[in-house]
Each structure stands twice: as structure tokens, then as C-alpha cells.
Amino acid sequence: MRIKAFLLSAFVFPGLGQLYNEDRKKGVAIVLLANLLVALVLLVGVMLLSQEYIAVFYPRPLTGEMMRILLMDVLSRPLFLAPFCLLIGLWAFAAVDAARGGPKPQSPEAP
């Protein structure tokens, strides 16, 4: 059970392992936060990529070499790196947390 949960969180999407382990609150929170970070990374990445292309290469058509230069520039910007590193950290946390197991079993109430 723990291996499946780890694989779901590590290789499919963060939070799915927690949902598999029936830790619903944590799973939903991680999935929502991961979706927010993915959207932020894509938005900032596309914004920086288009901004850099217009500022430096605009009259010329986009080639593979220009795309490589643009990507290296975007990947080195702190505005892109901050949410990207947060996403990677969240992904790693979700995988390790899912591997640790599901929610703790409820102890029976003493009379």
C-alpha cells in the first residue's frame, strides 16, 4: 500500500498518494497547492519567455537556437525559480509523506 502511494505522489501528481492512503484533507490540500504552483510556474515562464523574445529577438523568427537561449535565460530568473523550487519541494514532501503511510488508526475509546 505504501509503495503504491509513493509511486502515485512521486510519479503521477503530488497528493494522490495521500488520497490513496485515505488522508483526504492533506491530499486535497497538496493537490490544490500543487495545481496553484504549476499554474504559477507556467504563467511566469510564458510571460518571461515572451517578454525576452520581444525584447531581444522579435523581428527574427524563433529558431531552435534562440529558444535554447531564451529558456536558459528564463530558467535563471528568480521570478521563475522561486515557484519552481517550491513545486519541486512540495512534490518531494508529498512522495515521502505518502510513503510513510496513511492516517493513524483511531484508538478505541476507553469506558
N, C-alpha and C. Protein backbone atom coordinates (compact mmCIF):
# COMPACT_ATOMS: atom_id res chain seq x y z
N MET A 1 0.83 -1.19 0.00
CA MET A 1 0.00 0.00 0.00
C MET A 1 0.87 1.25 0.00
N ARG A 2 1.93 1.24 0.80
CA ARG A 2 2.80 2.41 0.86
C ARG A 2 3.56 2.62 -0.44
N ILE A 3 3.93 1.54 -1.11
CA ILE A 3 4.67 1.68 -2.36
C ILE A 3 3.78 2.31 -3.42
N LYS A 4 2.54 1.87 -3.52
CA LYS A 4 1.62 2.47 -4.49
C LYS A 4 1.41 3.95 -4.19
N ALA A 5 1.24 4.28 -2.92
CA ALA A 5 1.04 5.68 -2.54
C ALA A 5 2.25 6.52 -2.90
N PHE A 6 3.45 5.98 -2.64
CA PHE A 6 4.68 6.70 -3.00
C PHE A 6 4.75 6.92 -4.51
N LEU A 7 4.47 5.87 -5.28
CA LEU A 7 4.55 5.98 -6.74
C LEU A 7 3.53 6.98 -7.28
N LEU A 8 2.34 6.99 -6.70
CA LEU A 8 1.33 7.95 -7.14
C LEU A 8 1.77 9.39 -6.88
N SER A 9 2.33 9.64 -5.69
CA SER A 9 2.74 11.01 -5.36
C SER A 9 4.04 11.39 -6.05
N ALA A 10 4.92 10.43 -6.26
CA ALA A 10 6.22 10.76 -6.85
C ALA A 10 6.17 10.88 -8.37
N PHE A 11 5.41 10.03 -9.03
CA PHE A 11 5.48 9.97 -10.50
C PHE A 11 4.22 10.40 -11.22
N VAL A 12 3.10 10.52 -10.52
CA VAL A 12 1.87 10.95 -11.20
C VAL A 12 1.58 12.41 -10.86
N PHE A 13 1.22 12.69 -9.60
CA PHE A 13 0.97 14.06 -9.17
C PHE A 13 1.00 14.11 -7.65
N PRO A 14 1.58 15.15 -7.07
CA PRO A 14 1.64 15.22 -5.61
C PRO A 14 0.25 15.28 -4.99
N GLY A 15 0.08 14.53 -3.93
CA GLY A 15 -1.19 14.49 -3.22
C GLY A 15 -2.01 13.26 -3.53
N LEU A 16 -1.76 12.61 -4.65
CA LEU A 16 -2.52 11.41 -4.99
C LEU A 16 -2.20 10.25 -4.05
N GLY A 17 -0.98 10.18 -3.58
CA GLY A 17 -0.62 9.15 -2.61
C GLY A 17 -1.36 9.34 -1.29
N GLN A 18 -1.50 10.57 -0.87
CA GLN A 18 -2.24 10.85 0.36
C GLN A 18 -3.71 10.47 0.18
N LEU A 19 -4.27 10.77 -0.97
CA LEU A 19 -5.66 10.38 -1.25
C LEU A 19 -5.79 8.86 -1.28
N TYR A 20 -4.81 8.17 -1.84
CA TYR A 20 -4.82 6.71 -1.87
C TYR A 20 -4.75 6.14 -0.44
N ASN A 21 -3.98 6.81 0.42
CA ASN A 21 -3.87 6.38 1.82
C ASN A 21 -5.06 6.82 2.66
N GLU A 22 -6.04 7.44 2.04
CA GLU A 22 -7.26 7.92 2.69
C GLU A 22 -7.00 9.06 3.68
N ASP A 23 -5.96 9.83 3.43
CA ASP A 23 -5.69 11.04 4.20
C ASP A 23 -6.22 12.20 3.35
N ARG A 24 -7.54 12.36 3.37
CA ARG A 24 -8.21 13.22 2.41
C ARG A 24 -7.88 14.70 2.56
N LYS A 25 -7.87 15.20 3.78
CA LYS A 25 -7.62 16.64 3.97
C LYS A 25 -6.23 17.02 3.46
N LYS A 26 -5.23 16.24 3.84
CA LYS A 26 -3.87 16.55 3.39
C LYS A 26 -3.74 16.35 1.88
N GLY A 27 -4.37 15.31 1.36
CA GLY A 27 -4.30 15.04 -0.08
C GLY A 27 -4.90 16.15 -0.91
N VAL A 28 -6.08 16.61 -0.51
CA VAL A 28 -6.74 17.69 -1.26
C VAL A 28 -5.92 18.98 -1.16
N ALA A 29 -5.39 19.26 0.03
CA ALA A 29 -4.58 20.48 0.20
C ALA A 29 -3.33 20.42 -0.68
N ILE A 30 -2.67 19.28 -0.73
CA ILE A 30 -1.45 19.17 -1.54
C ILE A 30 -1.79 19.25 -3.03
N VAL A 31 -2.87 18.61 -3.46
CA VAL A 31 -3.26 18.68 -4.88
C VAL A 31 -3.58 20.12 -5.26
N LEU A 32 -4.33 20.83 -4.42
CA LEU A 32 -4.68 22.22 -4.74
C LEU A 32 -3.44 23.12 -4.77
N LEU A 33 -2.55 22.95 -3.79
CA LEU A 33 -1.33 23.76 -3.76
C LEU A 33 -0.43 23.44 -4.96
N ALA A 34 -0.34 22.17 -5.32
CA ALA A 34 0.47 21.79 -6.48
C ALA A 34 -0.11 22.37 -7.77
N ASN A 35 -1.43 22.34 -7.91
CA ASN A 35 -2.06 22.94 -9.09
C ASN A 35 -1.79 24.44 -9.16
N LEU A 36 -1.87 25.11 -8.02
CA LEU A 36 -1.57 26.54 -7.98
C LEU A 36 -0.13 26.81 -8.40
N LEU A 37 0.80 26.01 -7.88
CA LEU A 37 2.21 26.22 -8.22
C LEU A 37 2.50 25.89 -9.69
N VAL A 38 1.87 24.84 -10.23
CA VAL A 38 2.05 24.52 -11.65
C VAL A 38 1.54 25.67 -12.51
N ALA A 39 0.37 26.19 -12.18
CA ALA A 39 -0.17 27.32 -12.94
C ALA A 39 0.74 28.54 -12.84
N LEU A 40 1.27 28.80 -11.65
CA LEU A 40 2.16 29.94 -11.47
C LEU A 40 3.45 29.77 -12.26
N VAL A 41 4.03 28.57 -12.23
CA VAL A 41 5.25 28.30 -12.99
C VAL A 41 5.00 28.48 -14.48
N LEU A 42 3.90 27.95 -14.98
CA LEU A 42 3.60 28.10 -16.41
C LEU A 42 3.34 29.56 -16.78
N LEU A 43 2.57 30.25 -15.97
CA LEU A 43 2.27 31.64 -16.26
C LEU A 43 3.52 32.51 -16.27
N VAL A 44 4.33 32.38 -15.23
CA VAL A 44 5.55 33.18 -15.15
C VAL A 44 6.52 32.78 -16.26
N GLY A 45 6.63 31.49 -16.53
CA GLY A 45 7.53 31.03 -17.58
C GLY A 45 7.16 31.57 -18.94
N VAL A 46 5.89 31.49 -19.29
CA VAL A 46 5.43 32.00 -20.59
C VAL A 46 5.58 33.51 -20.65
N MET A 47 5.28 34.19 -19.56
CA MET A 47 5.40 35.65 -19.53
C MET A 47 6.86 36.07 -19.75
N LEU A 48 7.78 35.45 -19.02
CA LEU A 48 9.19 35.80 -19.17
C LEU A 48 9.72 35.42 -20.55
N LEU A 49 9.29 34.28 -21.06
CA LEU A 49 9.74 33.83 -22.37
C LEU A 49 9.30 34.80 -23.46
N SER A 50 8.03 35.19 -23.44
CA SER A 50 7.55 36.12 -24.46
C SER A 50 8.16 37.50 -24.30
N GLN A 51 8.32 37.94 -23.06
CA GLN A 51 8.92 39.25 -22.80
C GLN A 51 10.36 39.30 -23.33
N GLU A 52 11.11 38.26 -23.07
CA GLU A 52 12.51 38.20 -23.52
C GLU A 52 12.59 38.10 -25.03
N TYR A 53 11.71 37.31 -25.63
CA TYR A 53 11.71 37.18 -27.09
C TYR A 53 11.42 38.51 -27.76
N ILE A 54 10.42 39.22 -27.25
CA ILE A 54 10.07 40.51 -27.85
C ILE A 54 11.19 41.52 -27.67
N ALA A 55 11.84 41.51 -26.51
CA ALA A 55 12.89 42.48 -26.23
C ALA A 55 14.16 42.21 -27.04
N VAL A 56 14.48 40.96 -27.33
CA VAL A 56 15.77 40.65 -27.93
C VAL A 56 15.66 40.19 -29.38
N PHE A 57 14.73 39.30 -29.69
CA PHE A 57 14.73 38.62 -30.99
C PHE A 57 13.55 38.95 -31.89
N TYR A 58 12.66 39.83 -31.50
CA TYR A 58 11.35 39.95 -32.14
C TYR A 58 11.33 39.97 -33.66
N PRO A 59 12.08 40.78 -34.35
CA PRO A 59 11.87 40.80 -35.82
C PRO A 59 12.22 39.47 -36.48
N ARG A 60 13.09 38.69 -35.87
CA ARG A 60 13.51 37.42 -36.49
C ARG A 60 12.59 36.29 -36.05
N PRO A 61 12.44 35.28 -36.89
CA PRO A 61 11.61 34.12 -36.49
C PRO A 61 12.30 33.32 -35.39
N LEU A 62 11.51 32.65 -34.61
CA LEU A 62 12.01 31.87 -33.49
C LEU A 62 12.63 30.57 -34.01
N THR A 63 13.90 30.37 -33.72
CA THR A 63 14.60 29.14 -34.13
C THR A 63 14.93 28.31 -32.89
N GLY A 64 15.43 27.13 -33.12
CA GLY A 64 15.80 26.26 -32.01
C GLY A 64 16.89 26.86 -31.14
N GLU A 65 17.88 27.47 -31.76
CA GLU A 65 18.97 28.09 -31.00
C GLU A 65 18.46 29.26 -30.16
N MET A 66 17.59 30.08 -30.74
CA MET A 66 17.01 31.20 -29.98
C MET A 66 16.17 30.67 -28.81
N MET A 67 15.42 29.59 -29.04
CA MET A 67 14.60 29.01 -27.98
C MET A 67 15.48 28.51 -26.84
N ARG A 68 16.62 27.90 -27.16
CA ARG A 68 17.54 27.43 -26.13
C ARG A 68 18.06 28.60 -25.30
N ILE A 69 18.44 29.68 -25.95
CA ILE A 69 18.93 30.88 -25.26
C ILE A 69 17.84 31.46 -24.36
N LEU A 70 16.62 31.55 -24.89
CA LEU A 70 15.51 32.10 -24.13
C LEU A 70 15.20 31.23 -22.90
N LEU A 71 15.19 29.91 -23.08
CA LEU A 71 14.90 29.01 -21.96
C LEU A 71 15.97 29.12 -20.88
N MET A 72 17.23 29.20 -21.27
CA MET A 72 18.31 29.34 -20.27
C MET A 72 18.15 30.65 -19.50
N ASP A 73 17.73 31.70 -20.19
CA ASP A 73 17.53 32.98 -19.52
C ASP A 73 16.34 32.91 -18.55
N VAL A 74 15.25 32.30 -18.98
CA VAL A 74 14.06 32.19 -18.12
C VAL A 74 14.36 31.31 -16.91
N LEU A 75 15.05 30.20 -17.10
CA LEU A 75 15.35 29.28 -16.00
C LEU A 75 16.28 29.88 -14.96
N SER A 76 17.01 30.93 -15.32
CA SER A 76 17.93 31.54 -14.36
C SER A 76 17.30 32.71 -13.59
N ARG A 77 16.08 33.07 -13.91
CA ARG A 77 15.41 34.20 -13.25
C ARG A 77 14.81 33.77 -11.91
N PRO A 78 15.03 34.56 -10.85
CA PRO A 78 14.44 34.23 -9.54
C PRO A 78 12.91 34.21 -9.56
N LEU A 79 12.30 35.02 -10.41
CA LEU A 79 10.84 35.05 -10.50
C LEU A 79 10.29 33.69 -10.96
N PHE A 80 11.06 32.97 -11.76
CA PHE A 80 10.67 31.64 -12.20
C PHE A 80 11.15 30.58 -11.21
N LEU A 81 12.36 30.75 -10.70
CA LEU A 81 12.96 29.74 -9.83
C LEU A 81 12.23 29.57 -8.50
N ALA A 82 11.71 30.63 -7.93
CA ALA A 82 11.05 30.54 -6.62
C ALA A 82 9.84 29.59 -6.66
N PRO A 83 8.85 29.81 -7.54
CA PRO A 83 7.73 28.86 -7.55
C PRO A 83 8.12 27.48 -8.05
N PHE A 84 9.10 27.41 -8.94
CA PHE A 84 9.55 26.11 -9.45
C PHE A 84 10.18 25.28 -8.33
N CYS A 85 11.02 25.91 -7.52
CA CYS A 85 11.65 25.19 -6.40
C CYS A 85 10.61 24.81 -5.34
N LEU A 86 9.63 25.68 -5.11
CA LEU A 86 8.55 25.33 -4.18
C LEU A 86 7.75 24.12 -4.68
N LEU A 87 7.52 24.07 -5.99
CA LEU A 87 6.80 22.93 -6.57
C LEU A 87 7.60 21.64 -6.41
N ILE A 88 8.90 21.69 -6.68
CA ILE A 88 9.74 20.51 -6.53
C ILE A 88 9.78 20.07 -5.06
N GLY A 89 9.89 21.02 -4.15
CA GLY A 89 9.89 20.70 -2.72
C GLY A 89 8.58 20.09 -2.27
N LEU A 90 7.46 20.63 -2.75
CA LEU A 90 6.14 20.08 -2.41
C LEU A 90 6.01 18.67 -2.97
N TRP A 91 6.51 18.45 -4.18
CA TRP A 91 6.43 17.13 -4.81
C TRP A 91 7.22 16.11 -3.98
N ALA A 92 8.42 16.50 -3.55
CA ALA A 92 9.25 15.60 -2.74
C ALA A 92 8.59 15.33 -1.39
N PHE A 93 8.05 16.37 -0.76
CA PHE A 93 7.36 16.19 0.52
C PHE A 93 6.19 15.23 0.37
N ALA A 94 5.40 15.40 -0.69
CA ALA A 94 4.23 14.56 -0.90
C ALA A 94 4.63 13.10 -1.09
N ALA A 95 5.71 12.86 -1.83
CA ALA A 95 6.16 11.49 -2.06
C ALA A 95 6.63 10.83 -0.76
N VAL A 96 7.42 11.55 0.02
CA VAL A 96 7.94 10.99 1.28
C VAL A 96 6.80 10.80 2.27
N ASP A 97 5.90 11.76 2.36
CA ASP A 97 4.77 11.65 3.28
C ASP A 97 3.85 10.48 2.91
N ALA A 98 3.63 10.29 1.62
CA ALA A 98 2.78 9.17 1.19
C ALA A 98 3.44 7.84 1.49
N ALA A 99 4.77 7.77 1.40
CA ALA A 99 5.49 6.53 1.68
C ALA A 99 5.44 6.18 3.16
N ARG A 100 5.30 7.19 4.01
CA ARG A 100 5.25 6.93 5.46
C ARG A 100 3.97 6.25 5.87
N GLY A 101 2.93 6.38 5.09
CA GLY A 101 1.70 5.67 5.40
C GLY A 101 0.50 6.58 5.52
N GLY A 102 -0.63 5.95 5.74
CA GLY A 102 -1.89 6.66 5.81
C GLY A 102 -2.14 7.27 7.16
N PRO A 103 -3.38 7.66 7.39
CA PRO A 103 -3.72 8.27 8.67
C PRO A 103 -3.58 7.26 9.80
N LYS A 104 -3.34 7.76 10.97
CA LYS A 104 -3.18 6.89 12.14
C LYS A 104 -4.53 6.25 12.47
N PRO A 105 -4.53 4.95 12.82
CA PRO A 105 -5.79 4.31 13.18
C PRO A 105 -6.35 4.90 14.47
N GLN A 106 -7.65 4.99 14.52
CA GLN A 106 -8.32 5.53 15.70
C GLN A 106 -8.25 4.50 16.81
N SER A 107 -7.86 4.94 18.00
CA SER A 107 -7.83 4.04 19.13
C SER A 107 -9.25 3.94 19.72
N PRO A 108 -9.63 2.76 20.17
CA PRO A 108 -10.98 2.64 20.75
C PRO A 108 -11.07 3.44 22.04
N GLU A 109 -12.22 4.02 22.23
CA GLU A 109 -12.43 4.86 23.41
C GLU A 109 -12.55 3.98 24.65
N ALA A 110 -11.88 4.40 25.69
CA ALA A 110 -11.97 3.66 26.96
C ALA A 110 -13.24 4.07 27.70
N PRO A 111 -13.94 3.11 28.30
CA PRO A 111 -15.17 3.46 29.02
C PRO A 111 -14.92 4.21 30.29
